[in-house]
Amino acid sequence: MKKSLLTTVAVLFMSFTLLMGQETKPNAVSLSYGVASTDEIMSIWGDVFGSIVGYSREEVKTSGVIILNYNRDVAKLWSIGGGLAYEQSVGNAYILGNKVGKDNRYYLTIALEGRINYLKKPIFNLYSGLGLGYTIAKGTITYDDKSPDTKQDFSHINYQITAVGFRVGKDLAGVAEVGFGYKGIANIGVSYRF
């Protein structure tokens, strides 16, 4: 009798816990695309100041930032997680106003993030967040005259300040954020909660 009662209570408790876990779905992954990241902005300023001393990149094209995030709700108002952000740019390299080759750069940021959920409903979430990470930034200048390539390393600590973020949808949802940092000034994408 006692054994049956304990077994029944244990099964009910586990069922309740599983149901609660399915209802709240504390994990989310998202894939987003951002523009005007800190790396892109620093690169533009580097080109401006570099041209003063004779080196610049012109006709620069950037891929924008591709962002992969994971977040886990740790309390009703708090989420923690991490992310990866990748960006690439290519431009023509100039020395003293003469085109000498191509300057290719890539940036890979690995970061930890935290969020404050101001409004969290089943199909709508309003939040702000902070992220701190490290950007592996590498570049190669390939010269037109077949001189040996110049390798560059400008890896650095990076950050993200998300002023406002939205998630709209239940399990599969759209996301959009406005802020400043490795994700860009604005980014938009999709999210899946599980």
C-alpha atoms as a PDB file:
ATOM      1  CA  MET A   1       0.000   0.000   0.000  1.00  0.00           C
ATOM      2  CA  LYS A   2       2.720   2.463   1.016  1.00  0.00           C
ATOM      3  CA  LYS A   3       4.781   1.426  -1.981  1.00  0.00           C
ATOM      4  CA  SER A   4       1.808   1.950  -4.340  1.00  0.00           C
ATOM      5  CA  LEU A   5       1.069   5.351  -2.836  1.00  0.00           C
ATOM      6  CA  LEU A   6       4.731   6.429  -3.159  1.00  0.00           C
ATOM      7  CA  THR A   7       4.844   5.178  -6.751  1.00  0.00           C
ATOM      8  CA  THR A   8       1.613   7.055  -7.591  1.00  0.00           C
ATOM      9  CA  VAL A   9       2.895  10.276  -6.007  1.00  0.00           C
ATOM     10  CA  ALA A  10       6.243   9.921  -7.812  1.00  0.00           C
ATOM     11  CA  VAL A  11       4.527   9.346 -11.191  1.00  0.00           C
ATOM     12  CA  LEU A  12       2.184  12.310 -10.631  1.00  0.00           C
ATOM     13  CA  PHE A  13       5.104  14.526  -9.610  1.00  0.00           C
ATOM     14  CA  MET A  14       7.145  13.549 -12.689  1.00  0.00           C
ATOM     15  CA  SER A  15       4.123  14.019 -14.968  1.00  0.00           C
ATOM     16  CA  PHE A  16       3.453  17.455 -13.474  1.00  0.00           C
ATOM     17  CA  THR A  17       7.120  18.406 -13.864  1.00  0.00           C
ATOM     18  CA  LEU A  18       7.169  17.250 -17.490  1.00  0.00           C
ATOM     19  CA  LEU A  19       3.951  19.113 -18.267  1.00  0.00           C
ATOM     20  CA  MET A  20       5.292  22.281 -16.673  1.00  0.00           C
ATOM     21  CA  GLY A  21       8.510  21.948 -18.639  1.00  0.00           C
ATOM     22  CA  GLN A  22       6.581  21.509 -21.884  1.00  0.00           C
ATOM     23  CA  GLU A  23       4.396  24.486 -21.132  1.00  0.00           C
ATOM     24  CA  THR A  24       7.181  26.923 -20.304  1.00  0.00           C
ATOM     25  CA  LYS A  25       9.772  25.648 -22.805  1.00  0.00           C
ATOM     26  CA  PRO A  26      12.756  27.416 -21.246  1.00  0.00           C
ATOM     27  CA  ASN A  27      15.213  26.972 -24.139  1.00  0.00           C
ATOM     28  CA  ALA A  28      15.385  28.966 -27.358  1.00  0.00           C
ATOM     29  CA  VAL A  29      17.712  29.093 -30.335  1.00  0.00           C
ATOM     30  CA  SER A  30      17.673  31.861 -32.907  1.00  0.00           C
ATOM     31  CA  LEU A  31      19.279  32.620 -36.233  1.00  0.00           C
ATOM     32  CA  SER A  32      19.448  36.294 -37.200  1.00  0.00           C
ATOM     33  CA  TYR A  33      20.988  38.726 -39.652  1.00  0.00           C
ATOM     34  CA  GLY A  34      22.357  42.070 -38.463  1.00  0.00           C
ATOM     35  CA  VAL A  35      23.784  45.258 -39.958  1.00  0.00           C
ATOM     36  CA  ALA A  36      26.311  47.870 -38.788  1.00  0.00           C
ATOM     37  CA  SER A  37      28.209  45.850 -36.173  1.00  0.00           C
ATOM     38  CA  THR A  38      30.953  47.302 -34.002  1.00  0.00           C
ATOM     39  CA  ASP A  39      33.482  45.441 -36.178  1.00  0.00           C
ATOM     40  CA  GLU A  40      32.135  47.070 -39.331  1.00  0.00           C
ATOM     41  CA  ILE A  41      32.104  50.511 -37.705  1.00  0.00           C
ATOM     42  CA  MET A  42      35.657  50.068 -36.305  1.00  0.00           C
ATOM     43  CA  SER A  43      36.795  48.979 -39.777  1.00  0.00           C
ATOM     44  CA  ILE A  44      35.333  52.140 -41.337  1.00  0.00           C
ATOM     45  CA  TRP A  45      37.078  54.325 -38.747  1.00  0.00           C
ATOM     46  CA  GLY A  46      40.297  52.374 -39.313  1.00  0.00           C
ATOM     47  CA  ASP A  47      40.037  53.096 -43.032  1.00  0.00           C
ATOM     48  CA  VAL A  48      39.478  56.808 -42.364  1.00  0.00           C
ATOM     49  CA  PHE A  49      42.462  57.099 -40.010  1.00  0.00           C
ATOM     50  CA  GLY A  50      44.579  54.691 -42.068  1.00  0.00           C
ATOM     51  CA  SER A  51      44.213  56.881 -45.143  1.00  0.00           C
ATOM     52  CA  ILE A  52      45.959  59.661 -43.197  1.00  0.00           C
ATOM     53  CA  VAL A  53      49.107  57.513 -42.927  1.00  0.00           C
ATOM     54  CA  GLY A  54      48.824  56.104 -46.442  1.00  0.00           C
ATOM     55  CA  TYR A  55      46.844  52.823 -46.196  1.00  0.00           C
ATOM     56  CA  SER A  56      43.133  52.486 -46.849  1.00  0.00           C
ATOM     57  CA  ARG A  57      40.461  50.033 -47.973  1.00  0.00           C
ATOM     58  CA  GLU A  58      37.947  51.227 -50.513  1.00  0.00           C
ATOM     59  CA  GLU A  59      34.983  49.687 -52.337  1.00  0.00           C
ATOM     60  CA  VAL A  60      34.408  47.594 -49.207  1.00  0.00           C
ATOM     61  CA  LYS A  61      31.579  45.052 -49.192  1.00  0.00           C
ATOM     62  CA  THR A  62      30.437  43.381 -46.005  1.00  0.00           C
ATOM     63  CA  SER A  63      28.385  40.242 -45.522  1.00  0.00           C
ATOM     64  CA  GLY A  64      26.448  41.676 -42.592  1.00  0.00           C
ATOM     65  CA  VAL A  65      26.403  39.709 -39.349  1.00  0.00           C
ATOM     66  CA  ILE A  66      25.052  36.169 -39.165  1.00  0.00           C
ATOM     67  CA  ILE A  67      24.084  35.428 -35.553  1.00  0.00           C
ATOM     68  CA  LEU A  68      23.353  32.116 -33.831  1.00  0.00           C
ATOM     69  CA  ASN A  69      22.054  32.400 -30.247  1.00  0.00           C
ATOM     70  CA  TYR A  70      20.985  30.084 -27.457  1.00  0.00           C
ATOM     71  CA  ASN A  71      19.056  31.345 -24.408  1.00  0.00           C
ATOM     72  CA  ARG A  72      17.679  29.610 -21.355  1.00  0.00           C
ATOM     73  CA  ASP A  73      15.144  31.106 -18.970  1.00  0.00           C
ATOM     74  CA  VAL A  74      16.541  30.871 -15.451  1.00  0.00           C
ATOM     75  CA  ALA A  75      13.740  32.860 -13.820  1.00  0.00           C
ATOM     76  CA  LYS A  76      10.584  34.592 -14.995  1.00  0.00           C
ATOM     77  CA  LEU A  77      12.454  37.796 -15.749  1.00  0.00           C
ATOM     78  CA  TRP A  78      15.956  36.499 -16.532  1.00  0.00           C
ATOM     79  CA  SER A  79      17.528  34.552 -19.375  1.00  0.00           C
ATOM     80  CA  ILE A  80      21.148  33.611 -19.905  1.00  0.00           C
ATOM     81  CA  GLY A  81      22.885  32.137 -22.892  1.00  0.00           C
ATOM     82  CA  GLY A  82      25.521  32.535 -25.487  1.00  0.00           C
ATOM     83  CA  GLY A  83      26.025  33.249 -29.093  1.00  0.00           C
ATOM     84  CA  LEU A  84      28.180  33.233 -32.166  1.00  0.00           C
ATOM     85  CA  ALA A  85      28.351  36.096 -34.650  1.00  0.00           C
ATOM     86  CA  TYR A  86      30.138  35.885 -38.010  1.00  0.00           C
ATOM     87  CA  GLU A  87      30.913  38.693 -40.426  1.00  0.00           C
ATOM     88  CA  GLN A  88      33.176  39.017 -43.442  1.00  0.00           C
ATOM     89  CA  SER A  89      34.317  41.992 -45.506  1.00  0.00           C
ATOM     90  CA  VAL A  90      36.368  42.435 -48.658  1.00  0.00           C
ATOM     91  CA  GLY A  91      37.753  45.600 -50.181  1.00  0.00           C
ATOM     92  CA  ASN A  92      40.463  46.934 -52.401  1.00  0.00           C
ATOM     93  CA  ALA A  93      43.725  47.788 -50.631  1.00  0.00           C
ATOM     94  CA  TYR A  94      45.325  51.158 -51.385  1.00  0.00           C
ATOM     95  CA  ILE A  95      48.762  52.444 -50.393  1.00  0.00           C
ATOM     96  CA  LEU A  96      49.375  56.150 -50.964  1.00  0.00           C
ATOM     97  CA  GLY A  97      46.347  56.260 -53.271  1.00  0.00           C
ATOM     98  CA  ASN A  98      47.453  53.371 -55.486  1.00  0.00           C
ATOM     99  CA  LYS A  99      45.496  50.113 -55.606  1.00  0.00           C
ATOM    100  CA  VAL A 100      47.820  47.299 -54.532  1.00  0.00           C
ATOM    101  CA  GLY A 101      45.462  44.342 -54.005  1.00  0.00           C
ATOM    102  CA  LYS A 102      42.563  42.946 -51.969  1.00  0.00           C
ATOM    103  CA  ASP A 103      42.018  43.160 -48.217  1.00  0.00           C
ATOM    104  CA  ASN A 104      39.823  40.295 -46.901  1.00  0.00           C
ATOM    105  CA  ARG A 105      38.736  40.184 -43.263  1.00  0.00           C
ATOM    106  CA  TYR A 106      36.563  37.942 -41.142  1.00  0.00           C
ATOM    107  CA  TYR A 107      35.228  38.311 -37.617  1.00  0.00           C
ATOM    108  CA  LEU A 108      33.967  35.490 -35.396  1.00  0.00           C
ATOM    109  CA  THR A 109      32.581  36.528 -32.001  1.00  0.00           C
ATOM    110  CA  ILE A 110      31.929  34.069 -29.177  1.00  0.00           C
ATOM    111  CA  ALA A 111      29.903  35.629 -26.364  1.00  0.00           C
ATOM    112  CA  LEU A 112      27.973  35.115 -23.131  1.00  0.00           C
ATOM    113  CA  GLU A 113      24.693  36.984 -22.845  1.00  0.00           C
ATOM    114  CA  GLY A 114      22.047  37.904 -20.324  1.00  0.00           C
ATOM    115  CA  ARG A 115      18.532  39.261 -20.815  1.00  0.00           C
ATOM    116  CA  ILE A 116      15.905  41.000 -18.755  1.00  0.00           C
ATOM    117  CA  ASN A 117      12.396  40.048 -19.901  1.00  0.00           C
ATOM    118  CA  TYR A 118      10.118  43.042 -19.346  1.00  0.00           C
ATOM    119  CA  LEU A 119       7.051  41.410 -20.803  1.00  0.00           C
ATOM    120  CA  LYS A 120       6.850  37.664 -21.295  1.00  0.00           C
ATOM    121  CA  LYS A 121       3.644  36.256 -22.718  1.00  0.00           C
ATOM    122  CA  PRO A 122       3.095  32.958 -24.587  1.00  0.00           C
ATOM    123  CA  ILE A 123       3.343  34.647 -28.002  1.00  0.00           C
ATOM    124  CA  PHE A 124       5.139  37.932 -27.221  1.00  0.00           C
ATOM    125  CA  ASN A 125       8.367  38.733 -25.411  1.00  0.00           C
ATOM    126  CA  LEU A 126       9.886  42.201 -24.857  1.00  0.00           C
ATOM    127  CA  TYR A 127      13.438  42.277 -23.503  1.00  0.00           C
ATOM    128  CA  SER A 128      16.778  44.070 -23.202  1.00  0.00           C
ATOM    129  CA  GLY A 129      20.167  42.460 -22.904  1.00  0.00           C
ATOM    130  CA  LEU A 130      23.918  42.620 -22.522  1.00  0.00           C
ATOM    131  CA  GLY A 131      26.603  40.460 -24.044  1.00  0.00           C
ATOM    132  CA  LEU A 132      30.331  40.198 -23.566  1.00  0.00           C
ATOM    133  CA  GLY A 133      32.577  38.185 -25.824  1.00  0.00           C
ATOM    134  CA  TYR A 134      35.790  37.799 -27.720  1.00  0.00           C
ATOM    135  CA  THR A 135      36.098  38.474 -31.436  1.00  0.00           C
ATOM    136  CA  ILE A 136      38.638  36.509 -33.436  1.00  0.00           C
ATOM    137  CA  ALA A 137      39.418  38.961 -36.233  1.00  0.00           C
ATOM    138  CA  LYS A 138      41.801  37.975 -39.030  1.00  0.00           C
ATOM    139  CA  GLY A 139      42.686  39.553 -42.326  1.00  0.00           C
ATOM    140  CA  THR A 140      44.794  38.939 -45.397  1.00  0.00           C
ATOM    141  CA  ILE A 141      46.057  41.458 -47.915  1.00  0.00           C
ATOM    142  CA  THR A 142      46.658  39.742 -51.251  1.00  0.00           C
ATOM    143  CA  TYR A 143      48.854  41.872 -53.504  1.00  0.00           C
ATOM    144  CA  ASP A 144      48.256  42.256 -57.254  1.00  0.00           C
ATOM    145  CA  ASP A 145      52.018  42.087 -57.963  1.00  0.00           C
ATOM    146  CA  LYS A 146      52.267  38.610 -56.375  1.00  0.00           C
ATOM    147  CA  SER A 147      54.206  39.862 -53.333  1.00  0.00           C
ATOM    148  CA  PRO A 148      53.790  37.629 -50.255  1.00  0.00           C
ATOM    149  CA  ASP A 149      50.423  38.077 -48.544  1.00  0.00           C
ATOM    150  CA  THR A 150      50.242  40.214 -45.407  1.00  0.00           C
ATOM    151  CA  LYS A 151      48.419  38.511 -42.530  1.00  0.00           C
ATOM    152  CA  GLN A 152      46.575  40.632 -39.970  1.00  0.00           C
ATOM    153  CA  ASP A 153      45.261  39.814 -36.495  1.00  0.00           C
ATOM    154  CA  PHE A 154      43.095  42.365 -34.751  1.00  0.00           C
ATOM    155  CA  SER A 155      41.223  40.106 -32.320  1.00  0.00           C
ATOM    156  CA  HIS A 156      39.595  41.942 -29.420  1.00  0.00           C
ATOM    157  CA  ILE A 157      37.039  41.911 -26.632  1.00  0.00           C
ATOM    158  CA  ASN A 158      33.597  42.831 -27.926  1.00  0.00           C
ATOM    159  CA  TYR A 159      30.169  43.604 -26.478  1.00  0.00           C
ATOM    160  CA  GLN A 160      26.481  43.877 -27.285  1.00  0.00           C
ATOM    161  CA  ILE A 161      23.951  46.235 -25.739  1.00  0.00           C
ATOM    162  CA  THR A 162      20.440  45.285 -26.809  1.00  0.00           C
ATOM    163  CA  ALA A 163      18.263  48.284 -26.003  1.00  0.00           C
ATOM    164  CA  VAL A 164      15.073  46.547 -27.054  1.00  0.00           C
ATOM    165  CA  GLY A 165      14.286  43.109 -28.437  1.00  0.00           C
ATOM    166  CA  PHE A 166      11.024  41.465 -29.510  1.00  0.00           C
ATOM    167  CA  ARG A 167      10.053  37.846 -29.966  1.00  0.00           C
ATOM    168  CA  VAL A 168       6.657  37.277 -31.609  1.00  0.00           C
ATOM    169  CA  GLY A 169       5.240  33.773 -31.951  1.00  0.00           C
ATOM    170  CA  LYS A 170       4.825  30.671 -29.822  1.00  0.00           C
ATOM    171  CA  ASP A 171       7.383  27.940 -30.540  1.00  0.00           C
ATOM    172  CA  LEU A 172       8.526  29.175 -33.933  1.00  0.00           C
ATOM    173  CA  ALA A 173       8.773  32.956 -33.820  1.00  0.00           C
ATOM    174  CA  GLY A 174      10.201  36.059 -35.401  1.00  0.00           C
ATOM    175  CA  VAL A 175      12.806  38.079 -33.494  1.00  0.00           C
ATOM    176  CA  ALA A 176      14.106  41.621 -33.920  1.00  0.00           C
ATOM    177  CA  GLU A 177      16.593  43.613 -31.847  1.00  0.00           C
ATOM    178  CA  VAL A 178      17.881  47.169 -31.806  1.00  0.00           C
ATOM    179  CA  GLY A 179      21.104  47.998 -29.993  1.00  0.00           C
ATOM    180  CA  PHE A 180      24.837  48.349 -30.522  1.00  0.00           C
ATOM    181  CA  GLY A 181      27.592  45.781 -30.622  1.00  0.00           C
ATOM    182  CA  TYR A 182      28.728  42.606 -32.335  1.00  0.00           C
ATOM    183  CA  LYS A 183      25.159  41.824 -33.505  1.00  0.00           C
ATOM    184  CA  GLY A 184      24.866  45.196 -35.222  1.00  0.00           C
ATOM    185  CA  ILE A 185      22.644  48.203 -34.712  1.00  0.00           C
ATOM    186  CA  ALA A 186      19.645  46.134 -35.820  1.00  0.00           C
ATOM    187  CA  ASN A 187      19.079  42.451 -36.469  1.00  0.00           C
ATOM    188  CA  ILE A 188      16.114  40.322 -37.461  1.00  0.00           C
ATOM    189  CA  GLY A 189      15.581  36.577 -37.634  1.00  0.00           C
ATOM    190  CA  VAL A 190      13.754  33.464 -36.481  1.00  0.00           C
ATOM    191  CA  SER A 191      13.661  31.708 -33.125  1.00  0.00           C
ATOM    192  CA  TYR A 192      12.584  28.258 -31.984  1.00  0.00           C
ATOM    193  CA  ARG A 193      11.585  27.583 -28.372  1.00  0.00           C
ATOM    194  CA  PHE A 194      11.876  24.075 -26.925  1.00  0.00           C
END
